[in-house]
C-alpha atoms as a PDB file:
ATOM      1  CA  MET A   1     -63.551-126.012 167.873  1.00  0.00           C
ATOM      2  CA  GLN A   2     -64.355-126.135 163.944  1.00  0.00           C
ATOM      3  CA  THR A   3     -64.048-123.220 162.444  1.00  0.00           C
ATOM      4  CA  ALA A   4     -65.489-121.227 158.735  1.00  0.00           C
ATOM      5  CA  ARG A   5     -64.532-119.437 156.690  1.00  0.00           C
ATOM      6  CA  LEU A   6     -66.155-117.414 154.360  1.00  0.00           C
ATOM      7  CA  ASN A   7     -65.165-114.811 151.792  1.00  0.00           C
ATOM      8  CA  ILE A   8     -67.280-112.299 150.939  1.00  0.00           C
ATOM      9  CA  PHE A   9     -67.103-110.416 147.161  1.00  0.00           C
ATOM     10  CA  GLY A  10     -69.599-107.511 146.626  1.00  0.00           C
ATOM     11  CA  LYS A  11     -70.629-104.962 143.842  1.00  0.00           C
ATOM     12  CA  ILE A  12     -72.804-101.411 144.020  1.00  0.00           C
ATOM     13  CA  SER A  13     -73.635-100.295 140.419  1.00  0.00           C
ATOM     14  CA  THR A  14     -76.709 -97.839 139.843  1.00  0.00           C
ATOM     15  CA  VAL A  15     -80.032 -99.090 138.594  1.00  0.00           C
ATOM     16  CA  THR A  16     -78.402 -98.541 134.688  1.00  0.00           C
ATOM     17  CA  GLU A  17     -75.530-101.022 135.087  1.00  0.00           C
ATOM     18  CA  ARG A  18     -72.724 -98.306 135.771  1.00  0.00           C
ATOM     19  CA  ARG A  19     -70.249-100.102 139.195  1.00  0.00           C
ATOM     20  CA  ILE A  20     -70.018 -97.656 141.524  1.00  0.00           C
ATOM     21  CA  GLY A  21     -67.334 -99.849 143.658  1.00  0.00           C
ATOM     22  CA  ALA A  22     -66.613-103.000 145.411  1.00  0.00           C
ATOM     23  CA  PHE A  23     -66.165-104.595 148.387  1.00  0.00           C
ATOM     24  CA  GLU A  24     -64.037-107.634 149.712  1.00  0.00           C
ATOM     25  CA  ASP A  25     -63.553-109.062 152.488  1.00  0.00           C
ATOM     26  CA  SER A  26     -63.035-112.759 154.878  1.00  0.00           C
ATOM     27  CA  VAL A  27     -65.083-113.634 157.548  1.00  0.00           C
ATOM     28  CA  THR A  28     -64.463-117.059 159.959  1.00  0.00           C
ATOM     29  CA  THR A  29     -66.174-118.122 162.673  1.00  0.00           C
ATOM     30  CA  THR A  30     -65.969-120.745 165.579  1.00  0.00           C
ATOM     31  CA  ALA A  31     -68.362-123.446 166.717  1.00  0.00           C
ATOM     32  CA  THR A  32     -67.100-126.691 168.936  1.00  0.00           C
ATOM     33  CA  ILE A  33     -68.176-130.036 168.339  1.00  0.00           C
ATOM     34  CA  ALA A  34     -70.976-130.085 170.955  1.00  0.00           C
ATOM     35  CA  GLU A  35     -72.442-126.821 169.053  1.00  0.00           C
ATOM     36  CA  LEU A  36     -72.158-127.392 165.568  1.00  0.00           C
ATOM     37  CA  THR A  37     -75.588-129.005 165.224  1.00  0.00           C
ATOM     38  CA  ASP A  38     -76.584-125.312 166.420  1.00  0.00           C
ATOM     39  CA  ALA A  39     -74.171-123.575 164.752  1.00  0.00           C
ATOM     40  CA  LYS A  40     -75.627-124.711 161.911  1.00  0.00           C
ATOM     41  CA  GLU A  41     -79.428-123.072 161.713  1.00  0.00           C
ATOM     42  CA  ARG A  42     -78.223-120.286 163.627  1.00  0.00           C
ATOM     43  CA  ARG A  43     -77.542-116.610 161.150  1.00  0.00           C
ATOM     44  CA  SER A  44     -75.204-114.510 161.782  1.00  0.00           C
ATOM     45  CA  ALA A  45     -74.972-111.029 160.420  1.00  0.00           C
ATOM     46  CA  TYR A  46     -72.787-109.084 158.640  1.00  0.00           C
ATOM     47  CA  SER A  47     -72.136-105.490 157.799  1.00  0.00           C
ATOM     48  CA  LYS A  48     -69.755-102.920 155.474  1.00  0.00           C
ATOM     49  CA  VAL A  49     -70.034 -99.546 155.768  1.00  0.00           C
ATOM     50  CA  ILE A  50     -70.397 -97.474 152.191  1.00  0.00           C
ATOM     51  CA  ILE A  51     -70.658 -94.036 151.547  1.00  0.00           C
ATOM     52  CA  LEU A  52     -73.291 -93.454 148.703  1.00  0.00           C
ATOM     53  CA  ALA A  53     -74.872 -90.637 147.250  1.00  0.00           C
ATOM     54  CA  PRO A  54     -78.387 -90.452 146.989  1.00  0.00           C
ATOM     55  CA  GLY A  55     -80.054 -92.739 144.184  1.00  0.00           C
ATOM     56  CA  HIS A  56     -81.054 -96.050 143.665  1.00  0.00           C
ATOM     57  CA  TYR A  57     -78.324 -99.078 143.674  1.00  0.00           C
ATOM     58  CA  ARG A  58     -78.516-102.501 142.855  1.00  0.00           C
ATOM     59  CA  VAL A  59     -75.172-104.697 145.455  1.00  0.00           C
ATOM     60  CA  ASP A  60     -75.020-107.986 145.017  1.00  0.00           C
ATOM     61  CA  VAL A  61     -73.586-110.298 147.190  1.00  0.00           C
ATOM     62  CA  ASN A  62     -70.819-113.685 146.469  1.00  0.00           C
ATOM     63  CA  VAL A  63     -69.858-115.648 149.672  1.00  0.00           C
ATOM     64  CA  ARG A  64     -67.881-118.969 149.170  1.00  0.00           C
ATOM     65  CA  ASP A  65     -66.855-121.289 151.735  1.00  0.00           C
ATOM     66  CA  VAL A  66     -62.665-121.092 151.494  1.00  0.00           C
ATOM     67  CA  VAL A  67     -62.614-124.574 152.591  1.00  0.00           C
ATOM     68  CA  SER A  68     -65.144-126.994 150.142  1.00  0.00           C
ATOM     69  CA  GLY A  69     -66.158-124.382 147.529  1.00  0.00           C
ATOM     70  CA  ALA A  70     -69.291-124.050 147.950  1.00  0.00           C
ATOM     71  CA  ALA A  71     -71.077-120.552 147.436  1.00  0.00           C
ATOM     72  CA  GLY A  72     -74.425-118.110 147.138  1.00  0.00           C
ATOM     73  CA  PHE A  73     -74.915-115.301 145.542  1.00  0.00           C
ATOM     74  CA  ARG A  74     -78.113-112.579 146.255  1.00  0.00           C
ATOM     75  CA  GLN A  75     -78.725-109.241 144.758  1.00  0.00           C
ATOM     76  CA  TYR A  76     -80.009-106.236 146.051  1.00  0.00           C
ATOM     77  CA  SER A  77     -81.887-103.035 145.526  1.00  0.00           C
ATOM     78  CA  PHE A  78     -82.068 -99.811 148.049  1.00  0.00           C
ATOM     79  CA  GLN A  79     -82.331 -96.472 147.543  1.00  0.00           C
ATOM     80  CA  VAL A  80     -80.550 -94.065 149.384  1.00  0.00           C
ATOM     81  CA  PRO A  81     -83.024 -90.542 150.284  1.00  0.00           C
ATOM     82  CA  LYS A  82     -81.698 -86.582 149.434  1.00  0.00           C
ATOM     83  CA  TYR A  83     -81.663 -84.902 152.733  1.00  0.00           C
ATOM     84  CA  GLU A  84     -81.720 -81.373 152.030  1.00  0.00           C
ATOM     85  CA  ASP A  85     -78.746 -79.718 153.923  1.00  0.00           C
ATOM     86  CA  ASP A  86     -80.914 -76.909 155.794  1.00  0.00           C
ATOM     87  CA  LYS A  87     -83.175 -79.108 157.758  1.00  0.00           C
ATOM     88  CA  LEU A  88     -83.125 -81.758 160.049  1.00  0.00           C
ATOM     89  CA  ALA A  89     -84.343 -85.214 158.259  1.00  0.00           C
ATOM     90  CA  THR A  90     -83.901 -88.547 159.651  1.00  0.00           C
ATOM     91  CA  SER A  91     -81.611 -90.966 160.617  1.00  0.00           C
ATOM     92  CA  SER A  92     -81.099 -94.095 161.610  1.00  0.00           C
ATOM     93  CA  MET A  93     -79.146 -93.631 164.967  1.00  0.00           C
ATOM     94  CA  ILE A  94     -78.949 -89.430 166.849  1.00  0.00           C
ATOM     95  CA  LEU A  95     -77.351 -89.880 170.094  1.00  0.00           C
ATOM     96  CA  ALA A  96     -77.833 -87.109 172.156  1.00  0.00           C
ATOM     97  CA  ALA A  97     -78.509 -85.422 175.233  1.00  0.00           C
ATOM     98  CA  LYS A  98     -79.871 -82.094 173.814  1.00  0.00           C
ATOM     99  CA  LEU A  99     -80.294 -80.311 170.532  1.00  0.00           C
ATOM    100  CA  GLU A 100     -80.067 -76.649 170.088  1.00  0.00           C
ATOM    101  CA  SER A 101     -80.197 -74.805 166.868  1.00  0.00           C
ATOM    102  CA  MET A 102     -76.256 -73.972 165.110  1.00  0.00           C
ATOM    103  CA  GLU A 103     -77.485 -70.933 164.004  1.00  0.00           C
ATOM    104  CA  GLY A 104     -74.596 -67.735 164.594  1.00  0.00           C
ATOM    105  CA  LYS A 105     -72.606 -70.232 166.199  1.00  0.00           C
ATOM    106  CA  SER A 106     -69.550 -71.567 165.104  1.00  0.00           C
ATOM    107  CA  ARG A 107     -69.764 -75.392 163.136  1.00  0.00           C
ATOM    108  CA  VAL A 108     -65.894 -75.978 165.058  1.00  0.00           C
ATOM    109  CA  ASP A 109     -65.342 -75.681 169.124  1.00  0.00           C
ATOM    110  CA  ASN A 110     -61.576 -74.622 169.669  1.00  0.00           C
ATOM    111  CA  LEU A 111     -60.777 -77.376 172.315  1.00  0.00           C
END
């Protein structure tokens, strides 16, 4: 088995350059020698959950191969939208069999 080991470092800042946070992870992937040619062309996904207040942000991501030292850099900008607390708004995911109003009900049920 061939193994690739990568270090991923990211820095999150506002568009005015105020540093909000950072993250660092090590990831690995493996492939047999027969799969190696296809594995080089394969795309992979990496995700990191970070809670941010509404606003405009930039993330700088550095990826470095631990063995060869080869590195890459990408910079992305994005906006975290502001949602009103008293209204149902769009979300990346809502998992529910039924939606109903919570008006007049306790938000925490005793089990």
